[in-house]
Amino acid sequence: MLKRKLYILLAALILILFIINYPFLDKKVGEFLLEHETANVVRIIDGDTIVVEYNKNDTSVRLLGINTPEKNEPYYSEAKQFLENLILNKTIELEKGKENKDKYGRLLRYVFLKDENINLKIIEEGFANYYFPSGKDPYYSAFKKAWEKCLSKNVNLCESSKDVCSKCIELKEFYYKSQEIILYNDCSFDCNLEGWQIKHEGRKKFLFHNFILKSQEEVIIKVENKTNTEDVLFWNEENVFAKTGDTLFLRDGSGKLVLWESY
């Protein structure tokens, strides 16, 4: 009898607390429902863009926190196929980030399938680098760790360069505030960087053309709209590296990773 009375008293206390905090709980439940939606995947555009049936309409969704290769870039087709195998014609859960849509009208979302973060999985398998153009959010640390895990597996976009000069070229300085990069050749021989590229987390890239970095010498690359000189190469862009945080990737002529630096 005493145990029954205790259960009734406990149930009553829980009910009272729920009534007292109902506005708060109702708000939190509402926020959760607004930020978490379900949708059916009807098409895969590429490795980081999909089309879902959303509110009875076909809607494009840009996956948050990642950037996969563009057409004619290594691993473009593989990234697209990987995503198709994972989620095409399946029901997924969408989670909002800081912003609802991008400038193209696409929904910006994290994608989950049976509680698995698909965006993160794409990074782990080497089909994307992490990408946070609007600033770091609660997923940033997990996505960076996924990239580091990919590096340890040495697969796809994380595969290390086998170019003889990959052990020579050092990132001597990375002045992201002034958008300036200094590379140094530490080897006893010259390095032909033809076809090598510097890229940030997004789409912009700097391509080396007819350039040899001599032994024990350095080259300065600046993000400015100017003509190359003997001492300085120019990216011919403005504000490539985001103030909120970004990453520099250096790849060889085959697209393999030489080095990277994040801030």
Protein backbone atom coordinates (compact mmCIF):
# COMPACT_ATOMS: atom_id res chain seq x y z
CA MET A 1 0.00 0.00 0.00
CA LEU A 2 2.80 2.39 0.94
CA LYS A 3 4.64 1.68 -2.33
CA ARG A 4 1.45 2.40 -4.32
CA LYS A 5 1.00 5.74 -2.55
CA LEU A 6 4.60 6.64 -3.35
CA TYR A 7 4.03 5.85 -7.06
CA ILE A 8 0.89 8.01 -7.10
CA LEU A 9 2.74 10.85 -5.38
CA LEU A 10 5.64 10.60 -7.86
CA ALA A 11 3.24 10.61 -10.83
CA ALA A 12 1.48 13.67 -9.41
CA LEU A 13 4.78 15.52 -8.98
CA ILE A 14 5.78 14.74 -12.58
CA LEU A 15 2.39 15.98 -13.81
CA ILE A 16 2.75 19.22 -11.82
CA LEU A 17 6.25 19.82 -13.18
CA PHE A 18 5.02 19.19 -16.71
CA ILE A 19 2.16 21.68 -16.30
CA ILE A 20 4.47 24.31 -14.80
CA ASN A 21 7.03 23.91 -17.60
CA TYR A 22 4.60 23.27 -20.44
CA PRO A 23 5.34 26.52 -22.32
CA PHE A 24 9.06 25.75 -22.18
CA LEU A 25 8.61 22.12 -23.21
CA ASP A 26 6.18 23.05 -25.94
CA LYS A 27 8.69 25.54 -27.34
CA LYS A 28 11.51 22.99 -27.31
CA VAL A 29 9.36 20.33 -28.98
CA GLY A 30 8.32 22.88 -31.60
CA GLU A 31 11.93 23.84 -32.26
CA PHE A 32 12.89 20.18 -32.61
CA LEU A 33 10.12 19.52 -35.11
CA LEU A 34 11.09 22.61 -37.11
CA GLU A 35 14.74 21.53 -37.27
CA HIS A 36 14.11 17.83 -37.95
CA GLU A 37 12.06 16.76 -40.97
CA THR A 38 11.65 13.53 -42.90
CA ALA A 39 11.75 13.31 -46.67
CA ASN A 40 12.08 10.75 -49.47
CA VAL A 41 15.16 10.95 -51.69
CA VAL A 42 14.12 10.94 -55.36
CA ARG A 43 17.36 11.97 -57.09
CA ILE A 44 21.09 12.45 -56.52
CA ILE A 45 22.51 15.52 -58.30
CA ASP A 46 26.11 15.03 -57.16
CA GLY A 47 28.04 14.10 -54.04
CA ASP A 48 26.67 16.94 -51.94
CA THR A 49 23.33 17.83 -53.55
CA ILE A 50 20.14 15.77 -53.63
CA VAL A 51 16.47 16.15 -54.55
CA VAL A 52 13.83 15.08 -52.04
CA GLU A 53 10.06 14.97 -51.96
CA TYR A 54 9.39 17.74 -49.45
CA ASN A 55 5.93 19.15 -48.64
CA LYS A 56 4.60 17.30 -51.72
CA ASN A 57 7.16 19.03 -53.97
CA ASP A 58 10.55 18.01 -55.33
CA THR A 59 13.10 20.17 -53.52
CA SER A 60 16.89 20.45 -53.85
CA VAL A 61 18.94 19.96 -50.69
CA ARG A 62 22.59 20.97 -50.28
CA LEU A 63 24.32 18.80 -47.68
CA LEU A 64 25.90 20.90 -44.95
CA GLY A 65 29.47 20.66 -43.73
CA ILE A 66 30.94 19.03 -46.83
CA ASN A 67 32.24 19.83 -50.30
CA THR A 68 32.57 17.10 -52.92
CA PRO A 69 34.37 17.27 -56.31
CA GLU A 70 32.83 19.06 -59.29
CA LYS A 71 32.37 17.51 -62.75
CA ASN A 72 35.65 16.64 -64.46
CA GLU A 73 37.43 16.51 -61.09
CA PRO A 74 38.79 13.28 -59.56
CA TYR A 75 36.20 11.32 -57.55
CA TYR A 76 33.19 13.31 -58.80
CA SER A 77 31.43 10.20 -60.15
CA GLU A 78 32.51 8.06 -57.20
CA ALA A 79 31.10 10.55 -54.69
CA LYS A 80 27.79 10.70 -56.54
CA GLN A 81 27.58 6.91 -56.78
CA PHE A 82 28.46 6.50 -53.11
CA LEU A 83 25.60 8.79 -52.09
CA GLU A 84 23.18 7.03 -54.45
CA ASN A 85 24.01 3.68 -52.90
CA LEU A 86 23.40 5.08 -49.43
CA ILE A 87 20.15 7.04 -49.67
CA LEU A 88 18.48 7.00 -53.10
CA ASN A 89 14.77 6.06 -52.80
CA LYS A 90 15.04 5.98 -49.02
CA THR A 91 13.39 8.01 -46.26
CA ILE A 92 15.86 10.27 -44.51
CA GLU A 93 15.82 12.79 -41.70
CA LEU A 94 16.87 16.37 -42.41
CA GLU A 95 18.37 18.65 -39.79
CA LYS A 96 18.63 22.41 -40.25
CA GLY A 97 21.85 24.32 -39.65
CA LYS A 98 22.40 28.04 -39.11
CA GLU A 99 20.67 28.99 -42.36
CA ASN A 100 17.59 27.56 -44.03
CA LYS A 101 18.52 28.05 -47.71
CA ASP A 102 21.49 29.06 -49.85
CA LYS A 103 21.56 31.71 -52.59
CA TYR A 104 20.33 29.13 -55.12
CA GLY A 105 17.21 28.38 -53.07
CA ARG A 106 18.41 24.94 -51.96
CA LEU A 107 17.59 23.74 -48.47
CA LEU A 108 20.71 23.51 -46.28
CA ARG A 109 20.58 20.34 -44.21
CA TYR A 110 22.44 17.58 -42.40
CA VAL A 111 21.17 14.22 -43.62
CA PHE A 112 20.59 11.24 -41.35
CA LEU A 113 19.64 7.67 -42.21
CA LYS A 114 18.77 5.48 -39.24
CA ASP A 115 20.62 7.88 -36.92
CA GLU A 116 23.77 7.80 -39.07
CA ASN A 117 25.14 11.18 -40.17
CA ILE A 118 25.50 10.74 -43.94
CA ASN A 119 27.41 14.01 -44.41
CA LEU A 120 30.08 12.83 -41.98
CA LYS A 121 30.25 9.37 -43.59
CA ILE A 122 31.02 10.93 -46.99
CA ILE A 123 34.06 12.64 -45.45
CA GLU A 124 35.23 9.46 -43.71
CA GLU A 125 35.22 7.59 -47.02
CA GLY A 126 37.25 10.29 -48.75
CA PHE A 127 34.63 11.70 -51.11
CA ALA A 128 34.52 15.18 -49.56
CA ASN A 129 36.43 17.61 -47.42
CA TYR A 130 34.73 19.36 -44.54
CA TYR A 131 33.31 22.80 -45.40
CA PHE A 132 31.88 25.47 -43.08
CA PRO A 133 31.59 28.74 -45.05
CA SER A 134 29.13 30.29 -42.58
CA GLY A 135 31.35 29.55 -39.59
CA LYS A 136 31.96 26.56 -37.37
CA ASP A 137 28.91 24.87 -35.82
CA PRO A 138 28.50 22.01 -33.30
CA TYR A 139 29.36 19.44 -35.99
CA TYR A 140 32.70 21.01 -36.93
CA SER A 141 34.88 18.98 -34.52
CA ALA A 142 33.28 15.67 -35.53
CA PHE A 143 33.69 16.46 -39.22
CA LYS A 144 37.34 17.42 -38.79
CA LYS A 145 37.94 14.15 -36.93
CA ALA A 146 36.22 12.31 -39.79
CA TRP A 147 38.71 13.94 -42.20
CA GLU A 148 41.63 12.90 -39.99
CA LYS A 149 40.24 9.36 -39.89
CA CYS A 150 40.08 9.40 -43.68
CA LEU A 151 43.72 10.52 -43.80
CA SER A 152 44.72 7.56 -41.64
CA LYS A 153 42.94 5.25 -44.12
CA ASN A 154 44.73 7.01 -47.01
CA VAL A 155 41.82 6.64 -49.42
CA ASN A 156 40.37 8.70 -52.27
CA LEU A 157 40.64 12.47 -51.61
CA CYS A 158 42.74 11.68 -48.53
CA GLU A 159 45.33 9.63 -50.44
CA SER A 160 48.85 10.98 -49.98
CA SER A 161 50.88 12.10 -52.98
CA LYS A 162 53.58 9.77 -54.28
CA ASP A 163 55.24 12.55 -56.27
CA VAL A 164 58.94 12.77 -55.43
CA CYS A 165 58.46 16.46 -54.62
CA SER A 166 55.63 15.84 -52.14
CA LYS A 167 58.26 15.42 -49.38
CA CYS A 168 60.08 18.55 -50.49
CA ILE A 169 57.39 21.22 -50.46
CA GLU A 170 56.70 22.83 -47.10
CA LEU A 171 54.05 25.34 -46.09
CA LYS A 172 56.42 27.92 -44.68
CA GLU A 173 53.75 30.52 -43.88
CA PHE A 174 49.97 30.72 -44.16
CA TYR A 175 48.80 34.26 -43.50
CA TYR A 176 45.08 33.69 -43.89
CA LYS A 177 44.20 37.17 -42.61
CA SER A 178 46.22 38.81 -45.39
CA GLN A 179 45.42 35.94 -47.82
CA GLU A 180 49.09 35.09 -48.40
CA ILE A 181 50.82 31.71 -48.72
CA ILE A 182 54.54 30.91 -48.78
CA LEU A 183 55.78 27.53 -50.04
CA TYR A 184 59.37 26.36 -49.66
CA ASN A 185 61.36 23.65 -51.46
CA ASP A 186 63.50 21.90 -48.85
CA CYS A 187 65.06 19.37 -51.23
CA SER A 188 68.42 19.47 -53.02
CA PHE A 189 66.71 19.42 -56.42
CA ASP A 190 64.21 21.63 -58.25
CA CYS A 191 60.51 20.73 -58.26
CA ASN A 192 58.25 21.11 -61.27
CA LEU A 193 54.82 22.06 -59.88
CA GLU A 194 53.02 21.96 -63.23
CA GLY A 195 49.39 20.98 -62.60
CA TRP A 196 49.66 21.27 -58.82
CA GLN A 197 46.87 23.16 -57.11
CA ILE A 198 46.05 25.02 -53.93
CA LYS A 199 42.43 24.89 -52.85
CA HIS A 200 40.38 26.07 -49.90
CA GLU A 201 37.38 24.22 -48.45
CA GLY A 202 35.11 25.50 -51.23
CA ARG A 203 35.44 25.69 -55.02
CA LYS A 204 38.17 28.28 -55.64
CA LYS A 205 41.58 26.94 -56.60
CA PHE A 206 44.99 28.17 -57.68
CA LEU A 207 46.66 26.16 -60.46
CA PHE A 208 50.42 26.16 -61.02
CA HIS A 209 51.32 26.56 -64.69
CA ASN A 210 54.84 26.38 -66.10
CA PHE A 211 56.29 26.85 -62.64
CA ILE A 212 59.42 25.32 -61.11
CA LEU A 213 60.24 25.87 -57.45
CA LYS A 214 64.00 25.79 -57.23
CA SER A 215 65.92 23.97 -54.51
CA GLN A 216 66.07 25.80 -51.16
CA GLU A 217 63.88 28.61 -52.50
CA GLU A 218 60.38 29.84 -51.71
CA VAL A 219 57.43 31.24 -53.63
CA ILE A 220 54.78 33.66 -52.40
CA ILE A 221 51.17 33.19 -53.53
CA LYS A 222 48.83 36.13 -52.85
CA VAL A 223 45.06 36.32 -53.23
CA GLU A 224 44.87 39.44 -55.37
CA ASN A 225 43.85 40.43 -58.89
CA LYS A 226 47.32 41.10 -60.24
CA THR A 227 49.75 39.73 -62.82
CA ASN A 228 52.36 37.20 -61.73
CA THR A 229 55.93 38.37 -61.19
CA GLU A 230 59.21 36.50 -60.69
CA ASP A 231 58.86 36.58 -56.91
CA VAL A 232 55.07 36.50 -56.38
CA LEU A 233 52.23 34.48 -57.93
CA PHE A 234 48.69 35.86 -57.73
CA TRP A 235 45.47 33.91 -57.23
CA ASN A 236 43.40 36.52 -59.13
CA GLU A 237 40.57 36.22 -56.63
CA GLU A 238 39.38 38.13 -53.59
CA ASN A 239 38.91 36.80 -50.06
CA VAL A 240 39.38 33.10 -50.80
CA PHE A 241 40.03 32.08 -47.20
CA ALA A 242 37.09 32.76 -44.89
CA LYS A 243 37.60 34.85 -41.77
CA THR A 244 35.43 32.42 -39.80
CA GLY A 245 37.81 29.52 -40.46
CA ASP A 246 39.00 27.59 -43.50
CA THR A 247 41.51 25.02 -44.75
CA LEU A 248 44.30 25.10 -47.31
CA PHE A 249 44.81 21.94 -49.39
CA LEU A 250 47.85 21.46 -51.64
CA ARG A 251 47.52 18.69 -54.24
CA ASP A 252 49.90 17.37 -56.90
CA GLY A 253 49.22 17.08 -60.64
CA SER A 254 47.31 13.83 -60.07
CA GLY A 255 45.07 15.37 -57.43
CA LYS A 256 46.76 13.54 -54.54
CA LEU A 257 47.18 15.31 -51.22
CA VAL A 258 50.56 16.88 -50.47
CA LEU A 259 49.66 18.88 -47.35
CA TRP A 260 46.82 20.69 -45.63
CA GLU A 261 46.51 23.36 -42.94
CA SER A 262 43.36 24.37 -41.06
CA TYR A 263 42.55 27.34 -38.82
